[in-house]
């Protein structure tokens, strides 16, 4: 499954919000040294019930808008 994700780093608590055709994910980590991307993968893996290795960021490593692949 490939999804579009808009990340919001440095949030108080992690949260996933489903929008029309994408997800908005509040990440409780700073967008520095890949910390927010690592935390995003953890949050999505937990939400979809898969391992962290099943979630990968295809596009947008340095952007808030990302394309993420989740292998179910």
N, C-alpha and C. Protein backbone atom coordinates (compact mmCIF):
# COMPACT_ATOMS: atom_id res chain seq x y z
N UNK A 1 0.85 -1.16 0.00
CA UNK A 1 0.00 0.00 0.00
C UNK A 1 0.90 1.24 0.00
N UNK A 2 0.57 2.18 -0.83
CA UNK A 2 1.33 3.44 -0.90
C UNK A 2 0.39 4.56 -0.47
N UNK A 3 0.84 5.36 0.50
CA UNK A 3 0.01 6.45 1.01
C UNK A 3 0.78 7.77 0.96
N UNK A 4 0.02 8.83 0.94
CA UNK A 4 0.57 10.18 1.00
C UNK A 4 0.44 10.67 2.45
N UNK A 5 1.55 11.22 2.98
CA UNK A 5 1.58 11.62 4.38
C UNK A 5 2.08 13.05 4.49
N UNK A 6 1.40 13.84 5.29
CA UNK A 6 1.85 15.18 5.65
C UNK A 6 2.28 15.10 7.11
N UNK A 7 3.55 15.35 7.39
CA UNK A 7 4.05 15.25 8.76
C UNK A 7 4.06 16.62 9.45
N UNK A 8 3.80 16.58 10.73
CA UNK A 8 3.89 17.77 11.57
C UNK A 8 4.85 17.42 12.70
N UNK A 9 6.12 17.81 12.58
CA UNK A 9 7.11 17.45 13.60
C UNK A 9 6.96 18.28 14.87
N UNK A 10 7.59 17.79 15.94
CA UNK A 10 7.67 18.49 17.22
C UNK A 10 6.30 18.70 17.87
N UNK A 11 5.41 17.72 17.68
CA UNK A 11 4.09 17.79 18.32
C UNK A 11 4.19 17.31 19.77
N UNK A 12 3.21 17.64 20.57
CA UNK A 12 3.23 17.22 21.97
C UNK A 12 3.02 15.72 22.11
N UNK A 13 2.12 15.16 21.28
CA UNK A 13 1.90 13.72 21.31
C UNK A 13 1.64 13.23 19.89
N UNK A 14 2.00 11.97 19.61
CA UNK A 14 1.79 11.45 18.25
C UNK A 14 0.31 11.23 17.97
N UNK A 15 -0.07 11.50 16.72
CA UNK A 15 -1.47 11.36 16.34
C UNK A 15 -1.55 11.18 14.83
N UNK A 16 -2.48 10.35 14.39
CA UNK A 16 -2.71 10.15 12.95
C UNK A 16 -4.11 10.62 12.63
N UNK A 17 -4.22 11.50 11.65
CA UNK A 17 -5.50 12.01 11.21
C UNK A 17 -5.71 11.62 9.75
N UNK A 18 -6.82 10.95 9.45
CA UNK A 18 -7.13 10.54 8.09
C UNK A 18 -7.83 11.68 7.39
N UNK A 19 -7.29 12.08 6.23
CA UNK A 19 -7.96 13.09 5.41
C UNK A 19 -8.54 12.38 4.20
N UNK A 20 -9.01 13.11 3.22
CA UNK A 20 -9.68 12.51 2.07
C UNK A 20 -8.85 11.41 1.42
N UNK A 21 -7.69 11.75 0.93
CA UNK A 21 -6.86 10.78 0.21
C UNK A 21 -5.44 10.71 0.77
N UNK A 22 -5.26 11.19 1.98
CA UNK A 22 -3.93 11.17 2.58
C UNK A 22 -4.07 11.12 4.11
N UNK A 23 -2.91 11.10 4.76
CA UNK A 23 -2.86 11.10 6.22
C UNK A 23 -2.07 12.30 6.71
N UNK A 24 -2.48 12.83 7.83
CA UNK A 24 -1.71 13.87 8.51
C UNK A 24 -1.22 13.24 9.80
N UNK A 25 0.11 13.22 10.00
CA UNK A 25 0.69 12.55 11.16
C UNK A 25 1.45 13.56 12.00
N UNK A 26 1.03 13.69 13.25
CA UNK A 26 1.74 14.54 14.21
C UNK A 26 2.81 13.67 14.86
N UNK A 27 4.06 14.12 14.76
CA UNK A 27 5.21 13.35 15.23
C UNK A 27 5.82 14.05 16.44
N UNK A 28 6.04 13.29 17.51
CA UNK A 28 6.60 13.86 18.73
C UNK A 28 8.13 13.77 18.75
N UNK A 29 8.73 14.24 17.66
CA UNK A 29 10.19 14.29 17.54
C UNK A 29 10.54 15.49 16.66
N UNK A 30 11.75 15.99 16.84
CA UNK A 30 12.19 17.14 16.05
C UNK A 30 12.61 16.69 14.66
N UNK A 31 12.44 17.59 13.70
CA UNK A 31 12.87 17.32 12.33
C UNK A 31 14.35 17.62 12.21
N UNK A 32 15.14 16.79 12.85
CA UNK A 32 16.58 17.02 12.90
C UNK A 32 17.29 15.67 12.90
N UNK A 33 18.27 15.50 12.04
CA UNK A 33 19.07 14.27 11.96
C UNK A 33 18.22 13.03 11.74
N UNK A 34 17.10 13.14 11.04
CA UNK A 34 16.25 11.99 10.73
C UNK A 34 15.40 11.48 11.89
N UNK A 35 15.36 12.20 12.99
CA UNK A 35 14.60 11.75 14.16
C UNK A 35 13.10 11.69 13.85
N UNK A 36 12.58 12.70 13.17
CA UNK A 36 11.15 12.73 12.87
C UNK A 36 10.78 11.62 11.89
N UNK A 37 11.64 11.33 10.92
CA UNK A 37 11.37 10.25 9.97
C UNK A 37 11.36 8.90 10.67
N UNK A 38 12.29 8.68 11.57
CA UNK A 38 12.33 7.42 12.31
C UNK A 38 11.08 7.25 13.17
N UNK A 39 10.69 8.32 13.81
CA UNK A 39 9.49 8.28 14.66
C UNK A 39 8.24 8.09 13.81
N UNK A 40 8.20 8.71 12.63
CA UNK A 40 7.07 8.55 11.71
C UNK A 40 6.91 7.08 11.34
N UNK A 41 8.00 6.40 11.04
CA UNK A 41 7.96 4.99 10.68
C UNK A 41 7.43 4.17 11.85
N UNK A 42 7.86 4.47 13.07
CA UNK A 42 7.37 3.76 14.26
C UNK A 42 5.86 3.96 14.44
N UNK A 43 5.41 5.20 14.29
CA UNK A 43 3.99 5.52 14.48
C UNK A 43 3.12 4.80 13.44
N UNK A 44 3.55 4.85 12.17
CA UNK A 44 2.78 4.20 11.11
C UNK A 44 2.79 2.68 11.26
N UNK A 45 3.92 2.10 11.64
CA UNK A 45 4.00 0.65 11.83
C UNK A 45 3.05 0.21 12.94
N UNK A 46 2.99 0.97 14.02
CA UNK A 46 2.10 0.66 15.12
C UNK A 46 0.63 0.80 14.71
N UNK A 47 0.33 1.84 13.96
CA UNK A 47 -1.05 2.10 13.52
C UNK A 47 -1.57 1.00 12.59
N UNK A 48 -0.73 0.58 11.64
CA UNK A 48 -1.16 -0.43 10.67
C UNK A 48 -0.87 -1.86 11.12
N UNK A 49 -0.23 -2.04 12.27
CA UNK A 49 0.01 -3.36 12.80
C UNK A 49 1.05 -4.16 12.04
N UNK A 50 2.09 -3.49 11.54
CA UNK A 50 3.17 -4.16 10.83
C UNK A 50 4.50 -3.84 11.52
N UNK A 51 5.56 -4.52 11.10
CA UNK A 51 6.87 -4.23 11.68
C UNK A 51 7.44 -2.95 11.07
N UNK A 52 8.40 -2.35 11.75
CA UNK A 52 9.01 -1.11 11.26
C UNK A 52 9.71 -1.32 9.93
N UNK A 53 10.23 -2.53 9.71
CA UNK A 53 10.92 -2.81 8.44
C UNK A 53 9.96 -2.89 7.26
N UNK A 54 8.66 -2.98 7.53
CA UNK A 54 7.65 -3.02 6.47
C UNK A 54 7.21 -1.63 6.02
N UNK A 55 7.71 -0.60 6.69
CA UNK A 55 7.35 0.78 6.36
C UNK A 55 8.59 1.49 5.82
N UNK A 56 8.45 2.10 4.65
CA UNK A 56 9.59 2.83 4.09
C UNK A 56 9.12 4.13 3.43
N UNK A 57 9.93 5.14 3.54
CA UNK A 57 9.64 6.44 2.93
C UNK A 57 10.23 6.41 1.52
N UNK A 58 9.36 6.50 0.52
CA UNK A 58 9.80 6.43 -0.87
C UNK A 58 10.28 7.79 -1.35
N UNK A 59 9.54 8.82 -0.99
CA UNK A 59 9.83 10.16 -1.50
C UNK A 59 9.57 11.18 -0.40
N UNK A 60 10.43 12.19 -0.29
CA UNK A 60 10.19 13.28 0.64
C UNK A 60 10.93 13.15 1.96
N UNK A 61 12.11 12.58 1.96
CA UNK A 61 12.86 12.43 3.21
C UNK A 61 13.11 13.76 3.91
N UNK A 62 13.28 14.83 3.15
CA UNK A 62 13.57 16.14 3.74
C UNK A 62 12.40 17.11 3.58
N UNK A 63 11.23 16.58 3.35
CA UNK A 63 10.04 17.40 3.16
C UNK A 63 8.96 16.97 4.16
N UNK A 64 8.00 17.83 4.39
CA UNK A 64 6.88 17.46 5.25
C UNK A 64 5.90 16.57 4.50
N UNK A 65 5.85 16.71 3.19
CA UNK A 65 4.98 15.87 2.36
C UNK A 65 5.78 14.66 1.90
N UNK A 66 5.28 13.47 2.22
CA UNK A 66 6.01 12.25 1.95
C UNK A 66 5.12 11.23 1.25
N UNK A 67 5.76 10.34 0.52
CA UNK A 67 5.10 9.18 -0.03
C UNK A 67 5.68 7.98 0.71
N UNK A 68 4.81 7.19 1.35
CA UNK A 68 5.25 6.09 2.20
C UNK A 68 4.67 4.78 1.67
N UNK A 69 5.51 3.75 1.64
CA UNK A 69 5.07 2.41 1.25
C UNK A 69 4.96 1.56 2.51
N UNK A 70 3.83 0.87 2.64
CA UNK A 70 3.60 -0.03 3.76
C UNK A 70 3.32 -1.41 3.19
N UNK A 71 4.19 -2.35 3.52
CA UNK A 71 4.02 -3.73 3.03
C UNK A 71 3.21 -4.50 4.06
N UNK A 72 2.01 -4.89 3.64
CA UNK A 72 1.11 -5.60 4.55
C UNK A 72 1.12 -7.07 4.22
